Amino acid sequence: MIIKGKVHKFGNNINTDDIIAAKYLDSQDAKFLGSKCMENIDPNFFRRLKPGDIIVGGRNFGCGSSREHAPVAIKGAGVRLVIAESFARIFYRNSINIGLPILECSLARTIKEGDYLEVDLSKGEIKILGKNRIINSEKFPGFLRRIITSGGLINWTKRGRNLRNKMR
């Protein structure tokens, strides 16, 4: 699975209220939530974002409450991938569950705002296009790629036995 996009960079300890403010939690509409994504940090974020772009964060991305709205807002905004040095565990799991790929990379801090990336999840390879630089990260496990390409855990589960047999 290869993802290409422009980087929007954030720092350490980006919490779920930074990603989507609590005042919007009465909505389940992914596009609406996406239009409010990162509003507390950067009110112009959604206007600068292009479908397919990539968020890069520092340590402890997605900390705070366990709200599923946070990865839903990111995905609803059109972000294809989140890369960070580390993720809060519940945010990591919620992201996979809704079909948003996320990738831990200890060298995420070396990626700059505005860089264009080509990320090969199956190889664990991040190419910074135009800079002739490759950063290695953990490979995204095959079973998680299958959940992501299914559109999330519920869709993967609905596919049932045929998809589970392919994992073996």
C-alpha atoms as a PDB file:
ATOM      1  CA  MET A   1       0.000   0.000   0.000  1.00  0.00           C
ATOM      2  CA  ILE A   2       1.572   3.268  -1.171  1.00  0.00           C
ATOM      3  CA  ILE A   3       0.346   6.692  -0.032  1.00  0.00           C
ATOM      4  CA  LYS A   4       1.548  10.012  -1.451  1.00  0.00           C
ATOM      5  CA  GLY A   5       0.786  13.439  -0.065  1.00  0.00           C
ATOM      6  CA  LYS A   6       1.889  16.804   1.274  1.00  0.00           C
ATOM      7  CA  VAL A   7       2.898  17.065   4.937  1.00  0.00           C
ATOM      8  CA  HIS A   8       1.083  19.133   7.547  1.00  0.00           C
ATOM      9  CA  LYS A   9       3.302  19.120  10.635  1.00  0.00           C
ATOM     10  CA  PHE A  10       2.255  19.179  14.283  1.00  0.00           C
ATOM     11  CA  GLY A  11       4.254  18.839  17.496  1.00  0.00           C
ATOM     12  CA  ASN A  12       4.223  16.607  20.550  1.00  0.00           C
ATOM     13  CA  ASN A  13       1.225  15.727  22.727  1.00  0.00           C
ATOM     14  CA  ILE A  14      -1.495  16.598  20.224  1.00  0.00           C
ATOM     15  CA  ASN A  15      -4.576  15.578  22.182  1.00  0.00           C
ATOM     16  CA  THR A  16      -7.978  14.530  20.950  1.00  0.00           C
ATOM     17  CA  ASP A  17      -9.479  17.914  21.904  1.00  0.00           C
ATOM     18  CA  ASP A  18      -6.852  19.568  19.675  1.00  0.00           C
ATOM     19  CA  ILE A  19      -7.885  17.246  16.853  1.00  0.00           C
ATOM     20  CA  ILE A  20     -11.640  17.828  17.274  1.00  0.00           C
ATOM     21  CA  ALA A  21     -13.052  20.145  19.936  1.00  0.00           C
ATOM     22  CA  ALA A  22     -15.550  18.690  22.402  1.00  0.00           C
ATOM     23  CA  LYS A  23     -18.230  21.158  21.273  1.00  0.00           C
ATOM     24  CA  TYR A  24     -18.572  19.161  18.024  1.00  0.00           C
ATOM     25  CA  LEU A  25     -19.013  15.721  19.597  1.00  0.00           C
ATOM     26  CA  ASP A  26     -22.768  15.762  19.106  1.00  0.00           C
ATOM     27  CA  SER A  27     -22.162  15.129  15.386  1.00  0.00           C
ATOM     28  CA  GLN A  28     -21.310  11.798  13.785  1.00  0.00           C
ATOM     29  CA  ASP A  29     -20.913  13.319  10.299  1.00  0.00           C
ATOM     30  CA  ALA A  30     -17.325  12.656   9.174  1.00  0.00           C
ATOM     31  CA  LYS A  31     -17.251  15.513   6.640  1.00  0.00           C
ATOM     32  CA  PHE A  32     -18.540  18.027   9.183  1.00  0.00           C
ATOM     33  CA  LEU A  33     -16.045  16.829  11.792  1.00  0.00           C
ATOM     34  CA  GLY A  34     -13.315  16.971   9.149  1.00  0.00           C
ATOM     35  CA  SER A  35     -14.132  20.615   8.447  1.00  0.00           C
ATOM     36  CA  LYS A  36     -13.392  21.344  12.138  1.00  0.00           C
ATOM     37  CA  CYS A  37     -10.255  19.179  12.350  1.00  0.00           C
ATOM     38  CA  MET A  38      -7.331  20.836  14.180  1.00  0.00           C
ATOM     39  CA  GLU A  39      -9.377  24.033  14.528  1.00  0.00           C
ATOM     40  CA  ASN A  40      -8.054  24.719  18.064  1.00  0.00           C
ATOM     41  CA  ILE A  41      -4.431  24.601  16.867  1.00  0.00           C
ATOM     42  CA  ASP A  42      -4.755  26.025  13.349  1.00  0.00           C
ATOM     43  CA  PRO A  43      -8.103  27.571  12.367  1.00  0.00           C
ATOM     44  CA  ASN A  44      -7.020  27.534   8.696  1.00  0.00           C
ATOM     45  CA  PHE A  45      -5.930  23.900   8.641  1.00  0.00           C
ATOM     46  CA  PHE A  46      -8.957  22.571   6.778  1.00  0.00           C
ATOM     47  CA  ARG A  47      -8.730  25.342   4.139  1.00  0.00           C
ATOM     48  CA  ARG A  48      -5.068  24.497   3.422  1.00  0.00           C
ATOM     49  CA  LEU A  49      -5.656  20.756   3.347  1.00  0.00           C
ATOM     50  CA  LYS A  50      -5.960  18.879   0.062  1.00  0.00           C
ATOM     51  CA  PRO A  51      -7.530  15.413  -0.108  1.00  0.00           C
ATOM     52  CA  GLY A  52      -4.791  12.827   0.316  1.00  0.00           C
ATOM     53  CA  ASP A  53      -2.482  14.986   2.442  1.00  0.00           C
ATOM     54  CA  ILE A  54      -0.527  13.556   5.369  1.00  0.00           C
ATOM     55  CA  ILE A  55      -0.315  14.670   8.999  1.00  0.00           C
ATOM     56  CA  VAL A  56       3.046  14.266  10.737  1.00  0.00           C
ATOM     57  CA  GLY A  57       3.214  14.621  14.499  1.00  0.00           C
ATOM     58  CA  GLY A  58       5.697  14.169  17.302  1.00  0.00           C
ATOM     59  CA  ARG A  59       5.419  12.042  20.422  1.00  0.00           C
ATOM     60  CA  ASN A  60       2.132  10.962  21.999  1.00  0.00           C
ATOM     61  CA  PHE A  61      -0.154  11.947  19.104  1.00  0.00           C
ATOM     62  CA  GLY A  62      -3.843  11.463  19.958  1.00  0.00           C
ATOM     63  CA  CYS A  63      -3.454  11.545  23.739  1.00  0.00           C
ATOM     64  CA  GLY A  64      -6.318  12.550  26.000  1.00  0.00           C
ATOM     65  CA  SER A  65      -9.802  11.114  25.835  1.00  0.00           C
ATOM     66  CA  SER A  66     -10.625   7.938  23.965  1.00  0.00           C
ATOM     67  CA  ARG A  67     -13.095   9.668  21.634  1.00  0.00           C
ATOM     68  CA  GLU A  68     -13.438   7.989  18.256  1.00  0.00           C
ATOM     69  CA  HIS A  69     -14.350  11.374  16.801  1.00  0.00           C
ATOM     70  CA  ALA A  70     -10.653  12.326  16.588  1.00  0.00           C
ATOM     71  CA  PRO A  71      -9.587   9.829  13.889  1.00  0.00           C
ATOM     72  CA  VAL A  72     -13.005  10.225  12.229  1.00  0.00           C
ATOM     73  CA  ALA A  73     -12.363  13.979  11.935  1.00  0.00           C
ATOM     74  CA  ILE A  74      -8.903  13.398  10.458  1.00  0.00           C
ATOM     75  CA  LYS A  75     -10.218  10.910   7.924  1.00  0.00           C
ATOM     76  CA  GLY A  76     -13.259  13.090   7.218  1.00  0.00           C
ATOM     77  CA  ALA A  77     -10.940  16.001   6.430  1.00  0.00           C
ATOM     78  CA  GLY A  78      -9.387  13.919   3.642  1.00  0.00           C
ATOM     79  CA  VAL A  79      -6.111  13.027   5.356  1.00  0.00           C
ATOM     80  CA  ARG A  80      -4.800   9.699   4.017  1.00  0.00           C
ATOM     81  CA  LEU A  81      -2.163   8.930   6.645  1.00  0.00           C
ATOM     82  CA  VAL A  82      -0.876  10.065  10.030  1.00  0.00           C
ATOM     83  CA  ILE A  83       2.800   9.561  10.880  1.00  0.00           C
ATOM     84  CA  ALA A  84       4.095  10.264  14.393  1.00  0.00           C
ATOM     85  CA  GLU A  85       6.952   9.316  16.679  1.00  0.00           C
ATOM     86  CA  SER A  86       4.395   7.639  18.938  1.00  0.00           C
ATOM     87  CA  PHE A  87       0.632   7.422  19.382  1.00  0.00           C
ATOM     88  CA  ALA A  88      -1.635   7.113  22.367  1.00  0.00           C
ATOM     89  CA  ARG A  89      -2.692   3.451  22.272  1.00  0.00           C
ATOM     90  CA  ILE A  90      -6.453   4.081  22.187  1.00  0.00           C
ATOM     91  CA  PHE A  91      -6.041   6.599  19.352  1.00  0.00           C
ATOM     92  CA  TYR A  92      -3.963   4.043  17.460  1.00  0.00           C
ATOM     93  CA  ARG A  93      -6.651   1.393  17.850  1.00  0.00           C
ATOM     94  CA  ASN A  94      -9.521   3.766  17.048  1.00  0.00           C
ATOM     95  CA  SER A  95      -7.707   4.849  13.868  1.00  0.00           C
ATOM     96  CA  ILE A  96      -7.288   1.282  12.652  1.00  0.00           C
ATOM     97  CA  ASN A  97     -10.904   0.515  13.575  1.00  0.00           C
ATOM     98  CA  ILE A  98     -12.207   3.291  11.295  1.00  0.00           C
ATOM     99  CA  GLY A  99      -9.757   2.569   8.461  1.00  0.00           C
ATOM    100  CA  LEU A 100      -7.263   5.423   8.958  1.00  0.00           C
ATOM    101  CA  PRO A 101      -3.675   4.239   8.452  1.00  0.00           C
ATOM    102  CA  ILE A 102      -1.182   5.486  11.023  1.00  0.00           C
ATOM    103  CA  LEU A 103       2.524   4.823  11.144  1.00  0.00           C
ATOM    104  CA  GLU A 104       5.000   5.145  13.996  1.00  0.00           C
ATOM    105  CA  CYS A 105       8.388   6.473  12.972  1.00  0.00           C
ATOM    106  CA  SER A 106      11.109   7.511  15.407  1.00  0.00           C
ATOM    107  CA  LEU A 107      12.478   9.974  12.818  1.00  0.00           C
ATOM    108  CA  ALA A 108       9.154  11.726  12.153  1.00  0.00           C
ATOM    109  CA  ARG A 109      10.657  14.922  13.590  1.00  0.00           C
ATOM    110  CA  THR A 110      13.010  15.140  10.584  1.00  0.00           C
ATOM    111  CA  ILE A 111      10.064  15.453   8.180  1.00  0.00           C
ATOM    112  CA  LYS A 112       9.216  19.109   7.513  1.00  0.00           C
ATOM    113  CA  GLU A 113       6.006  21.048   6.907  1.00  0.00           C
ATOM    114  CA  GLY A 114       5.294  21.081   3.174  1.00  0.00           C
ATOM    115  CA  ASP A 115       7.441  18.037   2.324  1.00  0.00           C
ATOM    116  CA  TYR A 116       5.912  15.638  -0.178  1.00  0.00           C
ATOM    117  CA  LEU A 117       6.058  12.015   0.877  1.00  0.00           C
ATOM    118  CA  GLU A 118       5.651   8.654  -0.770  1.00  0.00           C
ATOM    119  CA  VAL A 119       5.016   6.086   1.954  1.00  0.00           C
ATOM    120  CA  ASP A 120       5.121   2.352   1.328  1.00  0.00           C
ATOM    121  CA  LEU A 121       3.356   0.852   4.332  1.00  0.00           C
ATOM    122  CA  SER A 122       4.253  -2.740   3.440  1.00  0.00           C
ATOM    123  CA  LYS A 123       7.986  -1.936   3.252  1.00  0.00           C
ATOM    124  CA  GLY A 124       8.070   0.571   6.101  1.00  0.00           C
ATOM    125  CA  GLU A 125       9.654   3.131   3.808  1.00  0.00           C
ATOM    126  CA  ILE A 126       9.046   6.893   3.774  1.00  0.00           C
ATOM    127  CA  LYS A 127      10.497   8.746   0.778  1.00  0.00           C
ATOM    128  CA  ILE A 128      10.800  12.507   1.033  1.00  0.00           C
ATOM    129  CA  LEU A 129      10.256  13.392  -2.599  1.00  0.00           C
ATOM    130  CA  GLY A 130      12.570  16.008  -4.072  1.00  0.00           C
ATOM    131  CA  LYS A 131      15.103  15.552  -1.265  1.00  0.00           C
ATOM    132  CA  ASN A 132      16.405  12.116  -2.251  1.00  0.00           C
ATOM    133  CA  ARG A 133      15.902  10.901   1.311  1.00  0.00           C
ATOM    134  CA  ILE A 134      14.424   7.668   2.615  1.00  0.00           C
ATOM    135  CA  ILE A 135      13.401   7.090   6.225  1.00  0.00           C
ATOM    136  CA  ASN A 136      12.745   3.575   7.450  1.00  0.00           C
ATOM    137  CA  SER A 137       9.974   2.815   9.887  1.00  0.00           C
ATOM    138  CA  GLU A 138       8.216  -0.276  11.132  1.00  0.00           C
ATOM    139  CA  LYS A 139       6.379  -2.174   8.421  1.00  0.00           C
ATOM    140  CA  PHE A 140       2.633  -1.841   8.691  1.00  0.00           C
ATOM    141  CA  PRO A 141       1.487  -5.404   9.530  1.00  0.00           C
ATOM    142  CA  GLY A 142      -0.408  -7.247   6.807  1.00  0.00           C
ATOM    143  CA  PHE A 143      -3.516  -7.887   8.876  1.00  0.00           C
ATOM    144  CA  LEU A 144      -3.766  -4.167   9.706  1.00  0.00           C
ATOM    145  CA  ARG A 145      -3.357  -3.292   6.004  1.00  0.00           C
ATOM    146  CA  ARG A 146      -6.281  -5.606   5.270  1.00  0.00           C
ATOM    147  CA  ILE A 147      -8.428  -3.874   7.887  1.00  0.00           C
ATOM    148  CA  ILE A 148      -7.478  -0.477   6.417  1.00  0.00           C
ATOM    149  CA  THR A 149      -8.158  -1.496   2.810  1.00  0.00           C
ATOM    150  CA  SER A 150     -11.521  -2.915   3.924  1.00  0.00           C
ATOM    151  CA  GLY A 151     -12.454   0.520   5.252  1.00  0.00           C
ATOM    152  CA  GLY A 152     -12.138  -0.382   8.918  1.00  0.00           C
ATOM    153  CA  LEU A 153     -12.720  -3.172  11.389  1.00  0.00           C
ATOM    154  CA  ILE A 154     -16.493  -3.431  10.939  1.00  0.00           C
ATOM    155  CA  ASN A 155     -16.211  -3.769   7.156  1.00  0.00           C
ATOM    156  CA  TRP A 156     -13.362  -6.251   7.544  1.00  0.00           C
ATOM    157  CA  THR A 157     -15.451  -8.312   9.968  1.00  0.00           C
ATOM    158  CA  LYS A 158     -18.432  -8.241   7.611  1.00  0.00           C
ATOM    159  CA  ARG A 159     -16.302  -9.763   4.878  1.00  0.00           C
ATOM    160  CA  GLY A 160     -16.112 -12.756   7.148  1.00  0.00           C
ATOM    161  CA  ARG A 161     -14.405 -16.025   6.653  1.00  0.00           C
ATOM    162  CA  ASN A 162     -12.997 -15.443   3.145  1.00  0.00           C
ATOM    163  CA  LEU A 163     -10.859 -12.506   4.237  1.00  0.00           C
ATOM    164  CA  ARG A 164      -9.739 -14.245   7.444  1.00  0.00           C
ATOM    165  CA  ASN A 165      -8.615 -17.262   5.417  1.00  0.00           C
ATOM    166  CA  LYS A 166      -6.406 -15.012   3.275  1.00  0.00           C
ATOM    167  CA  MET A 167      -4.516 -13.961   6.432  1.00  0.00           C
ATOM    168  CA  ARG A 168      -3.306 -17.480   7.074  1.00  0.00           C
END
